[in-house]
Amino acid sequence: MYQWEPQQDPQLEKKRLRALRQFRKRQQEEQYERNLKRSLTETTKEVDSLREEAATRLERVKTLETQLTQALTLLHQHQNGGMRQVNLDRRHPQPSSQN
């Protein structure tokens, strides 16, 4: 009915206009639903990405905590005379100095 040309009969024209409004409203609702679905998909991807980032950062924190514990242990040993030199970074060894 919404596709009809304007009607001469007032009752038919009223029905046509109502059908046209309903058609436009359905289109708007469908567009709104598509937008919501797209937004949900984007948000879901972002949440997944943030979860992965959080897991990576948590692993890094655990690694740093382990390194800190080891460094503190070495420092404590050094302060108690157990070692002459403390090398906290095992990736770049420093030559030991002997007195």
N, C-alpha and C. Protein backbone atom coordinates (compact mmCIF):
# COMPACT_ATOMS: atom_id res chain seq x y z
N MET A 1 0.80 -1.20 0.00
CA MET A 1 0.00 0.00 0.00
C MET A 1 0.86 1.27 0.00
N TYR A 2 1.98 1.23 0.72
CA TYR A 2 2.84 2.42 0.81
C TYR A 2 3.42 2.79 -0.55
N GLN A 3 3.42 1.84 -1.49
CA GLN A 3 3.98 2.11 -2.82
C GLN A 3 2.95 2.72 -3.77
N TRP A 4 1.73 2.81 -3.34
CA TRP A 4 0.68 3.38 -4.19
C TRP A 4 0.97 4.85 -4.46
N GLU A 5 0.43 5.32 -5.53
CA GLU A 5 0.44 6.76 -5.82
C GLU A 5 -0.58 7.42 -4.89
N PRO A 6 -0.50 8.72 -4.68
CA PRO A 6 -1.52 9.39 -3.86
C PRO A 6 -2.92 9.08 -4.38
N GLN A 7 -3.83 8.87 -3.43
CA GLN A 7 -5.19 8.44 -3.75
C GLN A 7 -6.17 9.60 -3.66
N GLN A 8 -7.17 9.55 -4.53
CA GLN A 8 -8.23 10.56 -4.51
C GLN A 8 -9.19 10.31 -3.35
N ASP A 9 -9.44 9.05 -3.09
CA ASP A 9 -10.35 8.68 -2.01
C ASP A 9 -9.66 8.97 -0.67
N PRO A 10 -10.24 9.80 0.19
CA PRO A 10 -9.61 10.17 1.46
C PRO A 10 -9.31 8.96 2.36
N GLN A 11 -10.19 7.96 2.37
CA GLN A 11 -9.96 6.78 3.20
C GLN A 11 -8.76 5.98 2.70
N LEU A 12 -8.65 5.81 1.39
CA LEU A 12 -7.52 5.09 0.83
C LEU A 12 -6.21 5.87 1.02
N GLU A 13 -6.30 7.19 0.88
CA GLU A 13 -5.11 8.02 1.08
C GLU A 13 -4.64 7.93 2.53
N LYS A 14 -5.60 7.91 3.44
CA LYS A 14 -5.26 7.78 4.86
C LYS A 14 -4.56 6.45 5.12
N LYS A 15 -5.06 5.37 4.53
CA LYS A 15 -4.45 4.05 4.68
C LYS A 15 -3.05 4.03 4.04
N ARG A 16 -2.92 4.66 2.88
CA ARG A 16 -1.64 4.71 2.18
C ARG A 16 -0.60 5.44 3.03
N LEU A 17 -0.99 6.58 3.60
CA LEU A 17 -0.07 7.36 4.43
C LEU A 17 0.34 6.60 5.69
N ARG A 18 -0.65 5.91 6.30
CA ARG A 18 -0.34 5.10 7.48
C ARG A 18 0.63 3.99 7.11
N ALA A 19 0.40 3.34 5.99
CA ALA A 19 1.29 2.27 5.53
C ALA A 19 2.69 2.82 5.23
N LEU A 20 2.75 4.00 4.66
CA LEU A 20 4.04 4.64 4.36
C LEU A 20 4.80 4.95 5.65
N ARG A 21 4.10 5.48 6.65
CA ARG A 21 4.74 5.77 7.94
C ARG A 21 5.25 4.49 8.59
N GLN A 22 4.45 3.44 8.55
CA GLN A 22 4.85 2.17 9.14
C GLN A 22 6.07 1.59 8.41
N PHE A 23 6.06 1.72 7.08
CA PHE A 23 7.20 1.23 6.30
C PHE A 23 8.48 1.98 6.69
N ARG A 24 8.40 3.29 6.78
CA ARG A 24 9.57 4.09 7.15
C ARG A 24 10.03 3.78 8.57
N LYS A 25 9.07 3.56 9.45
CA LYS A 25 9.41 3.21 10.82
C LYS A 25 10.12 1.86 10.87
N ARG A 26 9.65 0.88 10.11
CA ARG A 26 10.31 -0.42 10.05
C ARG A 26 11.74 -0.29 9.51
N GLN A 27 11.90 0.55 8.50
CA GLN A 27 13.23 0.76 7.94
C GLN A 27 14.17 1.37 8.98
N GLN A 28 13.66 2.35 9.70
CA GLN A 28 14.48 2.98 10.75
C GLN A 28 14.85 1.97 11.83
N GLU A 29 13.90 1.16 12.23
CA GLU A 29 14.16 0.15 13.26
C GLU A 29 15.18 -0.88 12.77
N GLU A 30 15.07 -1.28 11.50
CA GLU A 30 16.03 -2.23 10.95
C GLU A 30 17.43 -1.61 10.89
N GLN A 31 17.51 -0.34 10.51
CA GLN A 31 18.80 0.34 10.47
C GLN A 31 19.37 0.46 11.89
N TYR A 32 18.53 0.80 12.83
CA TYR A 32 18.95 0.90 14.23
C TYR A 32 19.50 -0.44 14.71
N GLU A 33 18.80 -1.53 14.38
CA GLU A 33 19.24 -2.86 14.78
C GLU A 33 20.58 -3.22 14.12
N ARG A 34 20.75 -2.89 12.85
CA ARG A 34 22.03 -3.14 12.18
C ARG A 34 23.17 -2.36 12.86
N ASN A 35 22.88 -1.12 13.20
CA ASN A 35 23.89 -0.29 13.89
C ASN A 35 24.25 -0.88 15.25
N LEU A 36 23.24 -1.36 15.98
CA LEU A 36 23.50 -1.97 17.28
C LEU A 36 24.35 -3.24 17.14
N LYS A 37 24.03 -4.05 16.13
CA LYS A 37 24.80 -5.28 15.92
C LYS A 37 26.24 -4.96 15.56
N ARG A 38 26.43 -3.95 14.70
CA ARG A 38 27.78 -3.56 14.32
C ARG A 38 28.55 -3.04 15.54
N SER A 39 27.88 -2.23 16.34
CA SER A 39 28.50 -1.70 17.55
C SER A 39 28.85 -2.82 18.52
N LEU A 40 27.96 -3.79 18.66
CA LEU A 40 28.22 -4.93 19.54
C LEU A 40 29.42 -5.72 19.05
N THR A 41 29.51 -5.95 17.76
CA THR A 41 30.64 -6.67 17.19
C THR A 41 31.94 -5.93 17.45
N GLU A 42 31.95 -4.62 17.21
CA GLU A 42 33.15 -3.82 17.44
C GLU A 42 33.54 -3.82 18.92
N THR A 43 32.56 -3.69 19.78
CA THR A 43 32.83 -3.67 21.22
C THR A 43 33.35 -5.02 21.69
N THR A 44 32.79 -6.09 21.16
CA THR A 44 33.24 -7.43 21.52
C THR A 44 34.70 -7.63 21.10
N LYS A 45 35.04 -7.18 19.91
CA LYS A 45 36.44 -7.28 19.45
C LYS A 45 37.36 -6.47 20.36
N GLU A 46 36.92 -5.29 20.74
CA GLU A 46 37.74 -4.44 21.61
C GLU A 46 37.94 -5.10 22.98
N VAL A 47 36.87 -5.68 23.52
CA VAL A 47 36.96 -6.35 24.82
C VAL A 47 37.93 -7.53 24.72
N ASP A 48 37.83 -8.31 23.65
CA ASP A 48 38.74 -9.44 23.47
C ASP A 48 40.19 -8.96 23.40
N SER A 49 40.41 -7.89 22.67
CA SER A 49 41.75 -7.33 22.54
C SER A 49 42.27 -6.85 23.90
N LEU A 50 41.41 -6.18 24.66
CA LEU A 50 41.81 -5.69 25.98
C LEU A 50 42.10 -6.85 26.94
N ARG A 51 41.34 -7.93 26.82
CA ARG A 51 41.59 -9.09 27.67
C ARG A 51 42.96 -9.70 27.35
N GLU A 52 43.27 -9.78 26.06
CA GLU A 52 44.58 -10.31 25.66
C GLU A 52 45.70 -9.40 26.19
N GLU A 53 45.49 -8.11 26.06
CA GLU A 53 46.49 -7.15 26.55
C GLU A 53 46.65 -7.29 28.07
N ALA A 54 45.54 -7.45 28.77
CA ALA A 54 45.61 -7.60 30.24
C ALA A 54 46.37 -8.86 30.61
N ALA A 55 46.13 -9.95 29.89
CA ALA A 55 46.84 -11.20 30.17
C ALA A 55 48.33 -11.03 29.92
N THR A 56 48.69 -10.36 28.85
CA THR A 56 50.10 -10.11 28.54
C THR A 56 50.74 -9.27 29.61
N ARG A 57 50.05 -8.24 30.03
CA ARG A 57 50.59 -7.36 31.08
C ARG A 57 50.72 -8.09 32.41
N LEU A 58 49.76 -8.95 32.71
CA LEU A 58 49.82 -9.73 33.95
C LEU A 58 51.05 -10.64 33.93
N GLU A 59 51.32 -11.27 32.81
CA GLU A 59 52.51 -12.10 32.69
C GLU A 59 53.77 -11.26 32.89
N ARG A 60 53.79 -10.06 32.32
CA ARG A 60 54.94 -9.18 32.48
C ARG A 60 55.12 -8.78 33.94
N VAL A 61 54.02 -8.50 34.63
CA VAL A 61 54.09 -8.16 36.05
C VAL A 61 54.66 -9.33 36.84
N LYS A 62 54.21 -10.54 36.53
CA LYS A 62 54.72 -11.72 37.24
C LYS A 62 56.22 -11.88 37.00
N THR A 63 56.65 -11.67 35.77
CA THR A 63 58.07 -11.76 35.44
C THR A 63 58.86 -10.72 36.22
N LEU A 64 58.36 -9.50 36.23
CA LEU A 64 59.05 -8.43 36.96
C LEU A 64 59.08 -8.70 38.46
N GLU A 65 58.01 -9.24 39.00
CA GLU A 65 57.99 -9.58 40.42
C GLU A 65 59.04 -10.65 40.73
N THR A 66 59.15 -11.63 39.85
CA THR A 66 60.15 -12.68 40.03
C THR A 66 61.56 -12.09 39.99
N GLN A 67 61.79 -11.23 39.01
CA GLN A 67 63.10 -10.58 38.90
C GLN A 67 63.40 -9.72 40.13
N LEU A 68 62.41 -9.02 40.62
CA LEU A 68 62.59 -8.20 41.81
C LEU A 68 62.93 -9.06 43.02
N THR A 69 62.22 -10.15 43.17
CA THR A 69 62.50 -11.06 44.28
C THR A 69 63.93 -11.59 44.20
N GLN A 70 64.33 -11.97 43.00
CA GLN A 70 65.70 -12.46 42.82
C GLN A 70 66.71 -11.35 43.13
N ALA A 71 66.45 -10.15 42.66
CA ALA A 71 67.36 -9.04 42.90
C ALA A 71 67.46 -8.73 44.39
N LEU A 72 66.34 -8.74 45.07
CA LEU A 72 66.35 -8.47 46.51
C LEU A 72 67.09 -9.57 47.27
N THR A 73 66.94 -10.80 46.82
CA THR A 73 67.66 -11.90 47.44
C THR A 73 69.17 -11.71 47.26
N LEU A 74 69.57 -11.36 46.03
CA LEU A 74 70.99 -11.12 45.77
C LEU A 74 71.51 -9.94 46.59
N LEU A 75 70.74 -8.91 46.67
CA LEU A 75 71.14 -7.74 47.44
C LEU A 75 71.30 -8.10 48.92
N HIS A 76 70.36 -8.86 49.42
CA HIS A 76 70.43 -9.29 50.81
C HIS A 76 71.68 -10.13 51.05
N GLN A 77 71.96 -11.04 50.11
CA GLN A 77 73.16 -11.87 50.23
C GLN A 77 74.41 -11.00 50.20
N HIS A 78 74.41 -10.01 49.32
CA HIS A 78 75.57 -9.12 49.19
C HIS A 78 75.78 -8.33 50.49
N GLN A 79 74.69 -7.84 51.06
CA GLN A 79 74.80 -7.06 52.28
C GLN A 79 75.28 -7.91 53.45
N ASN A 80 75.04 -9.19 53.34
CA ASN A 80 75.49 -10.09 54.41
C ASN A 80 76.86 -10.68 54.09
N GLY A 81 77.53 -10.14 53.08
CA GLY A 81 78.88 -10.57 52.77
C GLY A 81 78.95 -11.84 51.96
N GLY A 82 77.89 -12.28 51.42
CA GLY A 82 77.89 -13.52 50.65
C GLY A 82 78.45 -13.37 49.25
N MET A 83 78.48 -12.17 48.70
CA MET A 83 78.95 -11.96 47.33
C MET A 83 79.74 -10.66 47.27
N ARG A 84 80.70 -10.59 46.38
CA ARG A 84 81.46 -9.36 46.22
C ARG A 84 80.75 -8.38 45.29
N GLN A 85 80.14 -8.88 44.21
CA GLN A 85 79.48 -7.98 43.25
C GLN A 85 78.12 -8.55 42.91
N VAL A 86 77.16 -7.67 42.80
CA VAL A 86 75.81 -8.09 42.47
C VAL A 86 75.53 -7.70 41.03
N ASN A 87 75.19 -8.68 40.21
CA ASN A 87 74.82 -8.42 38.82
C ASN A 87 73.32 -8.72 38.70
N LEU A 88 72.52 -7.67 38.65
CA LEU A 88 71.06 -7.85 38.63
C LEU A 88 70.54 -8.16 37.25
N ASP A 89 71.29 -7.80 36.23
CA ASP A 89 70.83 -8.01 34.86
C ASP A 89 71.66 -9.12 34.24
N ARG A 90 71.12 -10.29 34.17
CA ARG A 90 71.86 -11.45 33.67
C ARG A 90 72.08 -11.39 32.16
N ARG A 91 71.36 -10.56 31.48
CA ARG A 91 71.52 -10.46 30.03
C ARG A 91 72.80 -9.74 29.65
N HIS A 92 73.29 -8.83 30.50
CA HIS A 92 74.49 -8.04 30.23
C HIS A 92 75.47 -8.22 31.39
N PRO A 93 76.21 -9.32 31.38
CA PRO A 93 77.11 -9.54 32.51
C PRO A 93 78.20 -8.50 32.57
N GLN A 94 78.55 -8.13 33.76
CA GLN A 94 79.62 -7.16 33.98
C GLN A 94 80.84 -7.92 34.48
N PRO A 95 82.02 -7.47 34.07
CA PRO A 95 83.22 -8.15 34.57
C PRO A 95 83.32 -7.96 36.08
N SER A 96 83.73 -9.01 36.72
CA SER A 96 83.84 -8.92 38.18
C SER A 96 85.15 -8.23 38.53
N SER A 97 85.09 -7.40 39.53
CA SER A 97 86.31 -6.71 39.98
C SER A 97 86.81 -7.40 41.23
N GLN A 98 88.07 -7.65 41.26
CA GLN A 98 88.64 -8.34 42.41
C GLN A 98 89.55 -7.38 43.14
N ASN A 99 89.41 -7.30 44.43
CA ASN A 99 90.22 -6.41 45.26
C ASN A 99 91.37 -7.13 45.88
